[in-house]
Amino acid sequence: NRAANAHRRLSEVFNEVCGAIKKVMSYKRMGISLYSPEHRALKLTAADGQGPHSIYQPGLLLDLNESHHGWVFQHQKRIVRHDLHSELEFRLEQPNVEEGIRSYCAVPLITLGESVGVMIVLSFKESLLTSDADFLQEISDQFVLAVKALMPACPKH
């Protein structure tokens, strides 16, 4: 909440959230994807920890029906992959495996019952804990308020 009041850009709020999460949870990469009505897809809006050769760069469009982000967004439920290599389900999870990601947790960003986007934390370690997923959901429930406040009311502007 303090970050949302102090900053006017989503990327600045995201950077503060990453800093706070790193103090209590070890992760390799974190990202936020927000719904883009003009593309009918999720758009990776902010990312932390991805390498320069990763496909997961801001601006990447994530299909609602063929990505883990899309599943979380549509079902408004989190996904936790404890061992990504053996739990692959979506084509877009494979690049994570190739980059050495072993586990991840993706949680929905929901406000007033409406899906706005997805927050994801990825790790080089196997078995992110259920408590990590619970914590990330709590953070996303607060972060979505800042997201909604900083999003334009009209998608064209």
N, C-alpha and C. Protein backbone atom coordinates (compact mmCIF):
# COMPACT_ATOMS: atom_id res chain seq x y z
N ASN A 1 0.83 -1.20 0.00
CA ASN A 1 0.00 0.00 0.00
C ASN A 1 0.86 1.25 0.00
N ARG A 2 1.92 1.22 0.79
CA ARG A 2 2.83 2.37 0.85
C ARG A 2 3.47 2.61 -0.51
N ALA A 3 3.85 1.54 -1.21
CA ALA A 3 4.46 1.69 -2.53
C ALA A 3 3.47 2.30 -3.52
N ALA A 4 2.21 1.88 -3.45
CA ALA A 4 1.21 2.40 -4.37
C ALA A 4 0.98 3.89 -4.16
N ASN A 5 1.04 4.32 -2.91
CA ASN A 5 0.85 5.74 -2.61
C ASN A 5 2.06 6.58 -2.99
N ALA A 6 3.23 5.97 -2.99
CA ALA A 6 4.48 6.71 -3.24
C ALA A 6 4.84 6.80 -4.72
N HIS A 7 4.28 5.92 -5.55
CA HIS A 7 4.68 5.87 -6.95
C HIS A 7 3.49 6.02 -7.88
N ARG A 8 3.77 6.50 -9.06
CA ARG A 8 2.72 6.70 -10.07
C ARG A 8 2.83 5.73 -11.24
N ARG A 9 3.88 4.93 -11.26
CA ARG A 9 4.07 3.96 -12.35
C ARG A 9 4.03 2.56 -11.78
N LEU A 10 3.37 1.68 -12.52
CA LEU A 10 3.23 0.29 -12.09
C LEU A 10 4.59 -0.38 -11.92
N SER A 11 5.53 -0.08 -12.81
CA SER A 11 6.85 -0.70 -12.72
C SER A 11 7.55 -0.33 -11.41
N GLU A 12 7.34 0.88 -10.93
CA GLU A 12 7.95 1.31 -9.67
C GLU A 12 7.33 0.56 -8.49
N VAL A 13 6.02 0.42 -8.51
CA VAL A 13 5.34 -0.33 -7.44
C VAL A 13 5.79 -1.78 -7.48
N PHE A 14 5.87 -2.36 -8.68
CA PHE A 14 6.32 -3.75 -8.84
C PHE A 14 7.73 -3.94 -8.26
N ASN A 15 8.63 -3.01 -8.55
CA ASN A 15 10.00 -3.12 -8.03
C ASN A 15 10.02 -3.11 -6.51
N GLU A 16 9.19 -2.30 -5.89
CA GLU A 16 9.12 -2.28 -4.42
C GLU A 16 8.56 -3.58 -3.89
N VAL A 17 7.54 -4.12 -4.56
CA VAL A 17 6.96 -5.39 -4.14
C VAL A 17 8.01 -6.50 -4.24
N CYS A 18 8.78 -6.51 -5.34
CA CYS A 18 9.85 -7.51 -5.49
C CYS A 18 10.85 -7.41 -4.34
N GLY A 19 11.25 -6.20 -4.01
CA GLY A 19 12.20 -6.00 -2.91
C GLY A 19 11.66 -6.52 -1.60
N ALA A 20 10.38 -6.29 -1.33
CA ALA A 20 9.77 -6.76 -0.09
C ALA A 20 9.67 -8.28 -0.07
N ILE A 21 9.29 -8.88 -1.19
CA ILE A 21 9.14 -10.33 -1.24
C ILE A 21 10.49 -11.02 -1.09
N LYS A 22 11.54 -10.45 -1.70
CA LYS A 22 12.87 -11.05 -1.61
C LYS A 22 13.37 -11.15 -0.16
N LYS A 23 12.87 -10.31 0.70
CA LYS A 23 13.30 -10.34 2.11
C LYS A 23 12.78 -11.57 2.84
N VAL A 24 11.69 -12.17 2.34
CA VAL A 24 11.10 -13.29 3.06
C VAL A 24 10.95 -14.56 2.22
N MET A 25 11.18 -14.46 0.91
CA MET A 25 10.97 -15.61 0.04
C MET A 25 12.06 -15.63 -1.03
N SER A 26 12.72 -16.75 -1.16
CA SER A 26 13.78 -16.87 -2.15
C SER A 26 13.15 -17.22 -3.50
N TYR A 27 13.50 -16.43 -4.53
CA TYR A 27 13.02 -16.73 -5.86
C TYR A 27 14.03 -16.29 -6.90
N LYS A 28 13.91 -16.83 -8.10
CA LYS A 28 14.79 -16.48 -9.21
C LYS A 28 14.18 -15.37 -10.06
N ARG A 29 12.89 -15.51 -10.33
CA ARG A 29 12.24 -14.57 -11.24
C ARG A 29 10.82 -14.32 -10.77
N MET A 30 10.34 -13.12 -11.06
CA MET A 30 8.97 -12.76 -10.73
C MET A 30 8.40 -11.94 -11.87
N GLY A 31 7.12 -12.10 -12.12
CA GLY A 31 6.50 -11.34 -13.19
C GLY A 31 5.04 -11.02 -12.91
N ILE A 32 4.58 -9.99 -13.60
CA ILE A 32 3.18 -9.58 -13.56
C ILE A 32 2.68 -9.54 -15.00
N SER A 33 1.60 -10.23 -15.26
CA SER A 33 0.95 -10.13 -16.56
C SER A 33 -0.46 -9.60 -16.34
N LEU A 34 -0.83 -8.61 -17.15
CA LEU A 34 -2.14 -7.98 -17.03
C LEU A 34 -2.94 -8.22 -18.29
N TYR A 35 -4.25 -8.29 -18.11
CA TYR A 35 -5.13 -8.53 -19.24
C TYR A 35 -5.09 -7.35 -20.19
N SER A 36 -4.93 -7.65 -21.47
CA SER A 36 -4.90 -6.66 -22.54
C SER A 36 -6.13 -6.90 -23.43
N PRO A 37 -7.20 -6.13 -23.23
CA PRO A 37 -8.43 -6.38 -23.98
C PRO A 37 -8.25 -6.29 -25.50
N GLU A 38 -7.38 -5.38 -25.95
CA GLU A 38 -7.19 -5.24 -27.40
C GLU A 38 -6.54 -6.46 -28.02
N HIS A 39 -5.79 -7.23 -27.23
CA HIS A 39 -5.15 -8.46 -27.74
C HIS A 39 -5.90 -9.72 -27.30
N ARG A 40 -6.85 -9.55 -26.39
CA ARG A 40 -7.56 -10.70 -25.79
C ARG A 40 -6.54 -11.71 -25.27
N ALA A 41 -5.54 -11.19 -24.57
CA ALA A 41 -4.45 -12.00 -24.02
C ALA A 41 -3.90 -11.30 -22.79
N LEU A 42 -3.04 -11.99 -22.09
CA LEU A 42 -2.30 -11.37 -21.00
C LEU A 42 -1.00 -10.83 -21.54
N LYS A 43 -0.60 -9.70 -21.04
CA LYS A 43 0.65 -9.08 -21.49
C LYS A 43 1.60 -9.00 -20.30
N LEU A 44 2.79 -9.57 -20.46
CA LEU A 44 3.79 -9.48 -19.40
C LEU A 44 4.16 -8.01 -19.26
N THR A 45 3.78 -7.45 -18.14
CA THR A 45 3.89 -6.01 -17.93
C THR A 45 5.18 -5.63 -17.20
N ALA A 46 5.57 -6.47 -16.26
CA ALA A 46 6.79 -6.20 -15.49
C ALA A 46 7.42 -7.53 -15.11
N ALA A 47 8.75 -7.56 -15.07
CA ALA A 47 9.46 -8.79 -14.73
C ALA A 47 10.73 -8.45 -13.97
N ASP A 48 11.13 -9.36 -13.10
CA ASP A 48 12.34 -9.19 -12.31
C ASP A 48 13.11 -10.51 -12.35
N GLY A 49 14.39 -10.44 -12.69
CA GLY A 49 15.26 -11.61 -12.61
C GLY A 49 15.42 -12.41 -13.88
N GLN A 50 14.74 -12.06 -14.95
CA GLN A 50 14.89 -12.82 -16.19
C GLN A 50 16.17 -12.40 -16.89
N GLY A 51 16.81 -13.34 -17.55
CA GLY A 51 18.03 -13.05 -18.29
C GLY A 51 17.71 -12.38 -19.62
N PRO A 52 18.73 -11.83 -20.26
CA PRO A 52 18.50 -11.13 -21.53
C PRO A 52 18.03 -12.04 -22.66
N HIS A 53 18.28 -13.35 -22.54
CA HIS A 53 17.90 -14.27 -23.60
C HIS A 53 16.59 -15.00 -23.30
N SER A 54 15.98 -14.70 -22.18
CA SER A 54 14.71 -15.31 -21.82
C SER A 54 13.61 -14.80 -22.74
N ILE A 55 12.66 -15.68 -23.08
CA ILE A 55 11.52 -15.21 -23.87
C ILE A 55 10.56 -14.39 -23.01
N TYR A 56 10.71 -14.50 -21.71
CA TYR A 56 9.81 -13.80 -20.79
C TYR A 56 10.28 -12.38 -20.54
N GLN A 57 10.10 -11.54 -21.54
CA GLN A 57 10.44 -10.12 -21.45
C GLN A 57 9.14 -9.31 -21.45
N PRO A 58 9.13 -8.17 -20.77
CA PRO A 58 7.93 -7.33 -20.80
C PRO A 58 7.47 -7.08 -22.24
N GLY A 59 6.17 -7.18 -22.42
CA GLY A 59 5.58 -7.03 -23.74
C GLY A 59 5.11 -8.36 -24.33
N LEU A 60 5.63 -9.48 -23.80
CA LEU A 60 5.25 -10.80 -24.29
C LEU A 60 3.75 -11.01 -24.08
N LEU A 61 3.05 -11.46 -25.11
CA LEU A 61 1.63 -11.78 -25.01
C LEU A 61 1.47 -13.25 -24.68
N LEU A 62 0.64 -13.53 -23.70
CA LEU A 62 0.41 -14.89 -23.23
C LEU A 62 -1.04 -15.29 -23.52
N ASP A 63 -1.21 -16.29 -24.35
CA ASP A 63 -2.53 -16.75 -24.76
C ASP A 63 -3.33 -17.21 -23.54
N LEU A 64 -4.60 -16.85 -23.52
CA LEU A 64 -5.45 -17.22 -22.39
C LEU A 64 -5.72 -18.72 -22.32
N ASN A 65 -5.72 -19.39 -23.48
CA ASN A 65 -6.06 -20.81 -23.50
C ASN A 65 -4.85 -21.73 -23.56
N GLU A 66 -3.68 -21.19 -23.85
CA GLU A 66 -2.52 -22.06 -24.05
C GLU A 66 -1.34 -21.70 -23.14
N SER A 67 -1.64 -21.05 -22.03
CA SER A 67 -0.55 -20.72 -21.11
C SER A 67 -1.01 -20.91 -19.67
N HIS A 68 -0.05 -21.14 -18.81
CA HIS A 68 -0.33 -21.27 -17.39
C HIS A 68 -0.88 -19.96 -16.84
N HIS A 69 -0.39 -18.83 -17.34
CA HIS A 69 -0.92 -17.53 -16.92
C HIS A 69 -2.41 -17.44 -17.26
N GLY A 70 -2.75 -17.85 -18.48
CA GLY A 70 -4.15 -17.80 -18.92
C GLY A 70 -5.06 -18.67 -18.08
N TRP A 71 -4.56 -19.86 -17.71
CA TRP A 71 -5.37 -20.76 -16.87
C TRP A 71 -5.66 -20.12 -15.53
N VAL A 72 -4.64 -19.55 -14.90
CA VAL A 72 -4.81 -18.90 -13.60
C VAL A 72 -5.79 -17.73 -13.73
N PHE A 73 -5.62 -16.93 -14.78
CA PHE A 73 -6.48 -15.78 -15.02
C PHE A 73 -7.94 -16.20 -15.19
N GLN A 74 -8.19 -17.20 -16.02
CA GLN A 74 -9.55 -17.62 -16.31
C GLN A 74 -10.24 -18.35 -15.17
N HIS A 75 -9.49 -19.17 -14.44
CA HIS A 75 -10.08 -19.97 -13.37
C HIS A 75 -10.02 -19.27 -12.01
N GLN A 76 -9.29 -18.18 -11.93
CA GLN A 76 -9.12 -17.43 -10.68
C GLN A 76 -8.64 -18.34 -9.54
N LYS A 77 -7.73 -19.24 -9.91
CA LYS A 77 -7.12 -20.15 -8.94
C LYS A 77 -5.62 -20.18 -9.20
N ARG A 78 -4.87 -20.42 -8.16
CA ARG A 78 -3.42 -20.46 -8.32
C ARG A 78 -2.97 -21.81 -8.87
N ILE A 79 -1.77 -21.78 -9.45
CA ILE A 79 -1.09 -23.01 -9.86
C ILE A 79 0.24 -23.03 -9.09
N VAL A 80 0.55 -24.17 -8.51
CA VAL A 80 1.85 -24.39 -7.91
C VAL A 80 2.46 -25.60 -8.58
N ARG A 81 3.63 -25.42 -9.17
CA ARG A 81 4.37 -26.53 -9.76
C ARG A 81 5.56 -26.79 -8.85
N HIS A 82 5.52 -27.92 -8.15
CA HIS A 82 6.60 -28.27 -7.22
C HIS A 82 7.81 -28.82 -7.96
N ASP A 83 7.58 -29.52 -9.06
CA ASP A 83 8.65 -30.08 -9.90
C ASP A 83 8.23 -29.86 -11.34
N LEU A 84 8.57 -28.70 -11.87
CA LEU A 84 8.10 -28.29 -13.18
C LEU A 84 8.44 -29.30 -14.27
N HIS A 85 9.61 -29.88 -14.20
CA HIS A 85 10.03 -30.83 -15.24
C HIS A 85 9.04 -31.98 -15.39
N SER A 86 8.54 -32.50 -14.28
CA SER A 86 7.62 -33.63 -14.36
C SER A 86 6.15 -33.20 -14.39
N GLU A 87 5.87 -31.92 -14.18
CA GLU A 87 4.48 -31.45 -14.14
C GLU A 87 4.10 -30.54 -15.31
N LEU A 88 4.90 -30.55 -16.36
CA LEU A 88 4.60 -29.70 -17.52
C LEU A 88 3.20 -29.95 -18.05
N GLU A 89 2.48 -28.87 -18.30
CA GLU A 89 1.14 -28.99 -18.86
C GLU A 89 0.94 -28.06 -20.07
N PHE A 90 1.58 -26.91 -20.04
CA PHE A 90 1.41 -25.91 -21.09
C PHE A 90 2.71 -25.74 -21.87
N ARG A 91 2.59 -25.49 -23.16
CA ARG A 91 3.75 -25.30 -24.04
C ARG A 91 4.66 -24.18 -23.51
N LEU A 92 4.08 -23.13 -23.00
CA LEU A 92 4.89 -22.00 -22.53
C LEU A 92 5.59 -22.26 -21.19
N GLU A 93 5.41 -23.42 -20.61
CA GLU A 93 6.19 -23.78 -19.42
C GLU A 93 7.56 -24.33 -19.81
N GLN A 94 7.67 -24.89 -21.00
CA GLN A 94 8.93 -25.51 -21.45
C GLN A 94 10.12 -24.55 -21.43
N PRO A 95 9.98 -23.30 -21.91
CA PRO A 95 11.14 -22.39 -21.83
C PRO A 95 11.64 -22.18 -20.40
N ASN A 96 10.73 -22.25 -19.43
CA ASN A 96 11.16 -22.14 -18.03
C ASN A 96 12.07 -23.29 -17.64
N VAL A 97 11.69 -24.49 -18.05
CA VAL A 97 12.51 -25.67 -17.76
C VAL A 97 13.89 -25.50 -18.40
N GLU A 98 13.90 -25.04 -19.66
CA GLU A 98 15.17 -24.85 -20.37
C GLU A 98 16.04 -23.78 -19.72
N GLU A 99 15.43 -22.84 -19.01
CA GLU A 99 16.18 -21.79 -18.32
C GLU A 99 16.57 -22.21 -16.90
N GLY A 100 16.22 -23.44 -16.50
CA GLY A 100 16.62 -23.95 -15.20
C GLY A 100 15.61 -23.76 -14.09
N ILE A 101 14.42 -23.30 -14.42
CA ILE A 101 13.39 -23.13 -13.40
C ILE A 101 12.90 -24.51 -12.97
N ARG A 102 12.80 -24.72 -11.67
CA ARG A 102 12.39 -26.02 -11.14
C ARG A 102 10.98 -26.00 -10.56
N SER A 103 10.54 -24.83 -10.09
CA SER A 103 9.20 -24.73 -9.51
C SER A 103 8.68 -23.31 -9.66
N TYR A 104 7.37 -23.17 -9.58
CA TYR A 104 6.80 -21.83 -9.62
C TYR A 104 5.43 -21.82 -8.96
N CYS A 105 4.98 -20.61 -8.67
CA CYS A 105 3.64 -20.39 -8.17
C CYS A 105 3.08 -19.19 -8.91
N ALA A 106 1.90 -19.35 -9.49
CA ALA A 106 1.21 -18.26 -10.18
C ALA A 106 -0.13 -18.05 -9.49
N VAL A 107 -0.41 -16.80 -9.13
CA VAL A 107 -1.66 -16.48 -8.43
C VAL A 107 -2.42 -15.41 -9.21
N PRO A 108 -3.75 -15.46 -9.13
CA PRO A 108 -4.55 -14.48 -9.87
C PRO A 108 -4.56 -13.12 -9.17
N LEU A 109 -4.68 -12.09 -9.96
CA LEU A 109 -4.92 -10.74 -9.46
C LEU A 109 -6.40 -10.48 -9.70
N ILE A 110 -7.18 -10.42 -8.62
CA ILE A 110 -8.63 -10.30 -8.72
C ILE A 110 -9.08 -9.10 -7.90
N THR A 111 -9.97 -8.30 -8.48
CA THR A 111 -10.58 -7.21 -7.74
C THR A 111 -12.07 -7.19 -8.05
N LEU A 112 -12.87 -7.16 -6.99
CA LEU A 112 -14.33 -7.17 -7.12
C LEU A 112 -14.82 -8.30 -8.02
N GLY A 113 -14.19 -9.47 -7.88
CA GLY A 113 -14.58 -10.66 -8.63
C GLY A 113 -14.08 -10.70 -10.06
N GLU A 114 -13.40 -9.66 -10.50
CA GLU A 114 -12.90 -9.58 -11.88
C GLU A 114 -11.42 -9.88 -11.93
N SER A 115 -11.04 -10.78 -12.84
CA SER A 115 -9.62 -11.06 -13.05
C SER A 115 -8.98 -9.87 -13.77
N VAL A 116 -7.84 -9.43 -13.24
CA VAL A 116 -7.10 -8.32 -13.83
C VAL A 116 -5.80 -8.82 -14.44
N GLY A 117 -5.22 -9.86 -13.84
CA GLY A 117 -3.95 -10.38 -14.31
C GLY A 117 -3.46 -11.51 -13.43
N VAL A 118 -2.14 -11.74 -13.52
CA VAL A 118 -1.50 -12.85 -12.81
C VAL A 118 -0.14 -12.40 -12.28
N MET A 119 0.18 -12.83 -11.06
CA MET A 119 1.51 -12.63 -10.48
C MET A 119 2.15 -14.01 -10.39
N ILE A 120 3.42 -14.10 -10.80
CA ILE A 120 4.11 -15.40 -10.78
C ILE A 120 5.50 -15.24 -10.17
N VAL A 121 5.87 -16.22 -9.36
CA VAL A 121 7.21 -16.32 -8.78
C VAL A 121 7.78 -17.66 -9.20
N LEU A 122 9.02 -17.64 -9.70
CA LEU A 122 9.67 -18.85 -10.20
C LEU A 122 10.98 -19.07 -9.44
N SER A 123 11.35 -20.35 -9.27
CA SER A 123 12.52 -20.68 -8.46
C SER A 123 13.39 -21.74 -9.13
N PHE A 124 14.68 -21.68 -8.84
CA PHE A 124 15.60 -22.74 -9.29
C PHE A 124 15.51 -23.96 -8.38
N LYS A 125 14.85 -23.80 -7.24
CA LYS A 125 14.70 -24.90 -6.30
C LYS A 125 13.40 -25.64 -6.57
N GLU A 126 13.40 -26.95 -6.33
CA GLU A 126 12.16 -27.71 -6.38
C GLU A 126 11.33 -27.38 -5.15
N SER A 127 10.06 -27.61 -5.27
CA SER A 127 9.12 -27.58 -4.16
C SER A 127 9.00 -26.24 -3.45
N LEU A 128 8.47 -25.25 -4.18
CA LEU A 128 8.01 -24.07 -3.46
C LEU A 128 6.98 -24.57 -2.46
N LEU A 129 6.95 -24.01 -1.29
CA LEU A 129 6.08 -24.50 -0.23
C LEU A 129 4.67 -23.93 -0.36
N THR A 130 3.70 -24.64 0.19
CA THR A 130 2.33 -24.14 0.21
C THR A 130 2.26 -22.82 0.94
N SER A 131 3.08 -22.67 1.97
CA SER A 131 3.10 -21.39 2.70
C SER A 131 3.60 -20.26 1.80
N ASP A 132 4.51 -20.57 0.86
CA ASP A 132 4.96 -19.56 -0.11
C ASP A 132 3.79 -19.13 -0.99
N ALA A 133 2.99 -20.10 -1.43
CA ALA A 133 1.84 -19.79 -2.28
C ALA A 133 0.81 -18.96 -1.51
N ASP A 134 0.58 -19.31 -0.26
CA ASP A 134 -0.36 -18.54 0.57
C ASP A 134 0.13 -17.10 0.73
N PHE A 135 1.43 -16.95 0.99
CA PHE A 135 2.02 -15.63 1.15
C PHE A 135 1.90 -14.82 -0.14
N LEU A 136 2.21 -15.45 -1.27
CA LEU A 136 2.13 -14.76 -2.55
C LEU A 136 0.70 -14.33 -2.85
N GLN A 137 -0.27 -15.16 -2.50
CA GLN A 137 -1.67 -14.78 -2.71
C GLN A 137 -2.03 -13.56 -1.86
N GLU A 138 -1.56 -13.53 -0.63
CA GLU A 138 -1.81 -12.36 0.23
C GLU A 138 -1.22 -11.10 -0.38
N ILE A 139 0.01 -11.21 -0.89
CA ILE A 139 0.67 -10.06 -1.52
C ILE A 139 -0.11 -9.62 -2.76
N SER A 140 -0.53 -10.58 -3.58
CA SER A 140 -1.24 -10.23 -4.81
C SER A 140 -2.58 -9.57 -4.50
N ASP A 141 -3.23 -9.99 -3.41
CA ASP A 141 -4.50 -9.37 -3.03
C ASP A 141 -4.33 -7.89 -2.68
N GLN A 142 -3.17 -7.53 -2.18
CA GLN A 142 -2.88 -6.11 -1.91
C GLN A 142 -2.38 -5.40 -3.17
N PHE A 143 -1.53 -6.09 -3.92
CA PHE A 143 -0.93 -5.50 -5.12
C PHE A 143 -1.99 -5.15 -6.16
N VAL A 144 -3.03 -5.97 -6.27
CA VAL A 144 -4.06 -5.73 -7.27
C VAL A 144 -4.75 -4.38 -7.06
N LEU A 145 -4.81 -3.92 -5.83
CA LEU A 145 -5.41 -2.61 -5.56
C LEU A 145 -4.58 -1.50 -6.20
N ALA A 146 -3.27 -1.62 -6.12
CA ALA A 146 -2.39 -0.65 -6.76
C ALA A 146 -2.49 -0.76 -8.28
N VAL A 147 -2.55 -1.99 -8.78
CA VAL A 147 -2.67 -2.21 -10.22
C VAL A 147 -3.93 -1.53 -10.74
N LYS A 148 -5.03 -1.77 -10.08
CA LYS A 148 -6.30 -1.21 -10.52
C LYS A 148 -6.28 0.32 -10.46
N ALA A 149 -5.65 0.87 -9.44
CA ALA A 149 -5.58 2.32 -9.31
C ALA A 149 -4.71 2.96 -10.39
N LEU A 150 -3.70 2.23 -10.85
CA LEU A 150 -2.77 2.77 -11.84
C LEU A 150 -3.16 2.45 -13.28
N MET A 151 -4.14 1.57 -13.45
CA MET A 151 -4.58 1.23 -14.82
C MET A 151 -5.50 2.32 -15.33
N PRO A 152 -5.38 2.64 -16.61
CA PRO A 152 -6.30 3.63 -17.17
C PRO A 152 -7.73 3.11 -17.16
N ALA A 153 -8.70 3.99 -16.93
CA ALA A 153 -10.10 3.59 -16.92
C ALA A 153 -10.57 3.19 -18.31
N CYS A 154 -9.99 3.80 -19.32
CA CYS A 154 -10.35 3.49 -20.70
C CYS A 154 -9.16 2.78 -21.35
N PRO A 155 -9.34 1.56 -21.85
CA PRO A 155 -8.21 0.80 -22.41
C PRO A 155 -7.56 1.47 -23.62
N LYS A 156 -8.26 2.40 -24.28
CA LYS A 156 -7.68 3.09 -25.44
C LYS A 156 -6.75 4.22 -25.04
N HIS A 157 -6.81 4.65 -23.79
CA HIS A 157 -6.02 5.79 -23.34
C HIS A 157 -5.15 5.40 -22.17
